[in-house]
Amino acid sequence: MLNALRLIARGIDGLNEAIGRSVAWLSLLMVLVTFLVVVLRYGFHAGSIALQESVMYMYAFLFMLSAAYALKHDGHVRVDIIYNKLSTRAQAWVDLFGSLFFLLPTFLFIGFASFGYVSASWRLREGSPETGGLPYIYVLKSAILLLAALMVLQGLSQAIKALLVIAGRDTGALRHTREAQDQV
């Protein structure tokens, strides 16, 4: 049973690692497209609403699809005044409590609350209200559901790893957190 849980956590971690590393490239692409927009506007007096909107789309996808990656790497803001001084086992209890009672309910609510909003956008094949804008707002809005799903999955992974530490079966499950904090 514990081995199955460990495999599930590793699978979720691997998924969010792959997605996070992939969407990180959007940062570079955003810079390049923004540079292109500026050059076109000021160098050639030409503009492109689609290019401008594409930067917003990339930013939204970068932010929403890398949130679970940031959680996996303990990159979210947390007040560590007390947490850092706790034992690994006590940190696991804090992580388990936070995952089960804050993270999971919040992102399950976001997923359920936004489902109708996103599905209505898909039914309409909603596009940009701007002439020459991108016709894919429905795809952009889908990132909300992806954010919720990836965060719920990563929350489950965090809870599993905390349970393994609490059970004394994997003292290294939360070690990446301490090592990352020591490097900062």
Protein backbone atom coordinates (compact mmCIF):
# COMPACT_ATOMS: atom_id res chain seq x y z
CA MET A 1 0.00 0.00 0.00
CA LEU A 2 2.74 2.48 0.95
CA ASN A 3 4.71 1.57 -2.15
CA ALA A 4 1.63 2.25 -4.28
CA LEU A 5 1.20 5.65 -2.60
CA ARG A 6 4.88 6.40 -3.17
CA LEU A 7 4.49 5.52 -6.88
CA ILE A 8 1.41 7.74 -7.17
CA ALA A 9 3.28 10.67 -5.59
CA ARG A 10 6.25 10.14 -7.91
CA GLY A 11 3.96 9.99 -10.93
CA ILE A 12 2.24 13.24 -9.96
CA ASP A 13 5.59 14.88 -9.23
CA GLY A 14 6.90 13.72 -12.61
CA LEU A 15 3.87 15.10 -14.42
CA ASN A 16 4.14 18.51 -12.77
CA GLU A 17 7.91 18.55 -13.27
CA ALA A 18 7.50 17.93 -16.99
CA ILE A 19 4.74 20.53 -17.36
CA GLY A 20 6.63 23.11 -15.29
CA ARG A 21 9.84 22.69 -17.25
CA SER A 22 7.96 22.83 -20.55
CA VAL A 23 5.96 25.98 -19.85
CA ALA A 24 9.07 27.72 -18.48
CA TRP A 25 10.07 28.22 -22.11
CA LEU A 26 7.11 30.54 -22.46
CA SER A 27 9.12 33.12 -20.50
CA LEU A 28 11.68 33.35 -23.27
CA LEU A 29 9.02 33.32 -25.96
CA MET A 30 7.14 36.13 -24.18
CA VAL A 31 10.27 38.29 -24.17
CA LEU A 32 10.89 37.64 -27.86
CA VAL A 33 7.30 38.35 -28.89
CA THR A 34 7.19 41.49 -26.73
CA PHE A 35 10.41 42.65 -28.40
CA LEU A 36 8.84 41.96 -31.80
CA VAL A 37 5.71 43.95 -30.88
CA VAL A 38 7.84 46.92 -29.81
CA VAL A 39 10.01 46.78 -32.95
CA LEU A 40 6.96 46.54 -35.19
CA ARG A 41 5.21 49.42 -33.45
CA TYR A 42 8.08 51.88 -33.11
CA GLY A 43 10.30 50.78 -35.97
CA PHE A 44 7.72 50.11 -38.65
CA HIS A 45 4.57 51.84 -37.30
CA ALA A 46 2.74 48.53 -37.54
CA GLY A 47 0.82 46.80 -34.79
CA SER A 48 -0.63 43.39 -34.21
CA ILE A 49 -3.38 42.83 -31.68
CA ALA A 50 -2.95 39.06 -32.08
CA LEU A 51 0.73 39.31 -31.12
CA GLN A 52 -0.11 41.49 -28.13
CA GLU A 53 -2.80 39.08 -26.99
CA SER A 54 -0.45 36.14 -27.50
CA VAL A 55 1.82 37.61 -24.81
CA MET A 56 -1.13 37.68 -22.41
CA TYR A 57 -2.01 34.10 -23.31
CA MET A 58 1.58 32.95 -22.73
CA TYR A 59 1.71 34.74 -19.39
CA ALA A 60 -1.57 33.14 -18.30
CA PHE A 61 -0.43 29.66 -19.34
CA LEU A 62 2.97 30.18 -17.70
CA PHE A 63 1.43 31.29 -14.43
CA MET A 64 -1.39 28.76 -14.26
CA LEU A 65 0.44 25.70 -15.52
CA SER A 66 3.57 26.24 -13.43
CA ALA A 67 1.80 26.81 -10.10
CA ALA A 68 1.88 23.09 -9.23
CA TYR A 69 5.55 22.94 -10.26
CA ALA A 70 6.24 25.81 -7.85
CA LEU A 71 4.36 23.97 -5.09
CA LYS A 72 6.37 20.82 -5.78
CA HIS A 73 9.59 22.79 -5.37
CA ASP A 74 8.30 24.66 -2.30
CA GLY A 75 8.38 27.91 -4.27
CA HIS A 76 5.18 29.41 -2.92
CA VAL A 77 5.24 32.12 -0.29
CA ARG A 78 5.07 30.79 3.24
CA VAL A 79 5.92 32.33 6.57
CA ASP A 80 8.76 30.10 7.73
CA ILE A 81 9.36 31.61 11.16
CA ILE A 82 8.12 28.50 12.93
CA TYR A 83 8.09 25.89 10.15
CA ASN A 84 11.88 25.88 9.66
CA LYS A 85 12.46 25.19 13.33
CA LEU A 86 10.20 22.14 13.37
CA SER A 87 11.39 18.58 13.01
CA THR A 88 10.86 16.85 9.68
CA ARG A 89 7.96 14.90 11.19
CA ALA A 90 6.31 18.06 12.54
CA GLN A 91 6.77 19.73 9.14
CA ALA A 92 5.04 16.72 7.61
CA TRP A 93 2.05 17.25 9.93
CA VAL A 94 1.88 20.92 8.91
CA ASP A 95 2.11 19.97 5.23
CA LEU A 96 -0.56 17.29 5.59
CA PHE A 97 -2.93 19.65 7.42
CA GLY A 98 -2.34 22.45 4.91
CA SER A 99 -2.86 20.16 1.94
CA LEU A 100 -6.04 18.53 3.24
CA PHE A 101 -7.76 21.53 4.78
CA PHE A 102 -6.57 24.49 2.71
CA LEU A 103 -5.05 23.57 -0.64
CA LEU A 104 -7.37 20.76 -1.75
CA PRO A 105 -10.67 22.45 -0.77
CA THR A 106 -9.58 25.74 -2.35
CA PHE A 107 -8.63 24.24 -5.69
CA LEU A 108 -11.54 21.81 -5.78
CA PHE A 109 -13.80 24.86 -5.30
CA ILE A 110 -11.97 26.77 -8.05
CA GLY A 111 -12.36 23.80 -10.39
CA PHE A 112 -16.06 23.29 -9.70
CA ALA A 113 -16.88 27.01 -9.68
CA SER A 114 -15.12 27.68 -12.98
CA PHE A 115 -16.38 24.63 -14.85
CA GLY A 116 -19.56 26.33 -16.10
CA TYR A 117 -17.63 29.46 -17.03
CA VAL A 118 -15.14 27.48 -19.09
CA SER A 119 -17.71 25.17 -20.69
CA ALA A 120 -19.85 28.17 -21.74
CA SER A 121 -16.79 29.67 -23.39
CA TRP A 122 -16.18 26.39 -25.26
CA ARG A 123 -19.81 26.20 -26.40
CA LEU A 124 -19.51 29.69 -27.88
CA ARG A 125 -15.97 29.09 -29.17
CA GLU A 126 -15.33 32.45 -27.55
CA GLY A 127 -12.80 34.65 -29.28
CA SER A 128 -11.25 38.02 -28.76
CA PRO A 129 -13.57 41.02 -28.76
CA GLU A 130 -10.85 42.92 -30.63
CA THR A 131 -10.73 42.93 -34.41
CA GLY A 132 -7.64 40.97 -35.38
CA GLY A 133 -7.40 39.35 -31.94
CA LEU A 134 -6.93 35.67 -31.20
CA PRO A 135 -10.04 33.51 -31.54
CA TYR A 136 -9.07 31.14 -28.72
CA ILE A 137 -10.26 32.64 -25.43
CA TYR A 138 -12.01 29.35 -24.72
CA VAL A 139 -8.63 27.59 -24.77
CA LEU A 140 -7.16 30.26 -22.52
CA LYS A 141 -10.01 29.87 -20.01
CA SER A 142 -9.37 26.11 -19.96
CA ALA A 143 -6.11 26.87 -18.18
CA ILE A 144 -8.20 27.65 -15.08
CA LEU A 145 -9.37 24.04 -14.96
CA LEU A 146 -5.85 22.80 -15.65
CA LEU A 147 -4.56 24.95 -12.78
CA ALA A 148 -7.13 23.47 -10.42
CA ALA A 149 -6.47 19.89 -11.55
CA LEU A 150 -2.68 20.17 -11.34
CA MET A 151 -2.81 21.83 -7.93
CA VAL A 152 -5.20 19.17 -6.60
CA LEU A 153 -2.88 16.46 -7.90
CA GLN A 154 0.19 18.13 -6.40
CA GLY A 155 -1.70 18.62 -3.13
CA LEU A 156 -2.40 14.89 -3.08
CA SER A 157 1.28 14.20 -3.75
CA GLN A 158 2.30 16.53 -0.91
CA ALA A 159 -0.19 14.82 1.42
CA ILE A 160 1.08 11.35 0.45
CA LYS A 161 4.70 12.37 1.06
CA ALA A 162 3.73 13.87 4.42
CA LEU A 163 1.93 10.66 5.37
CA LEU A 164 5.00 8.62 4.44
CA VAL A 165 7.15 10.80 6.69
CA ILE A 166 4.64 10.62 9.54
CA ALA A 167 4.47 6.83 9.18
CA GLY A 168 8.26 6.72 9.37
CA ARG A 169 8.44 5.07 5.95
CA ASP A 170 10.20 7.84 4.05
CA THR A 171 12.20 10.38 6.00
CA GLY A 172 13.55 11.83 2.75
CA ALA A 173 10.15 12.64 1.22
CA LEU A 174 10.28 16.22 2.45
CA ARG A 175 14.07 16.52 2.34
CA HIS A 176 14.00 18.51 -0.92
CA THR A 177 12.26 21.27 1.05
CA ARG A 178 15.01 21.57 3.65
CA GLU A 179 17.77 21.33 1.03
CA ALA A 180 16.12 24.05 -1.04
CA GLN A 181 15.80 26.28 2.03
CA ASP A 182 19.45 25.74 2.95
CA GLN A 183 20.55 26.82 -0.54
CA VAL A 184 18.69 30.14 -0.34
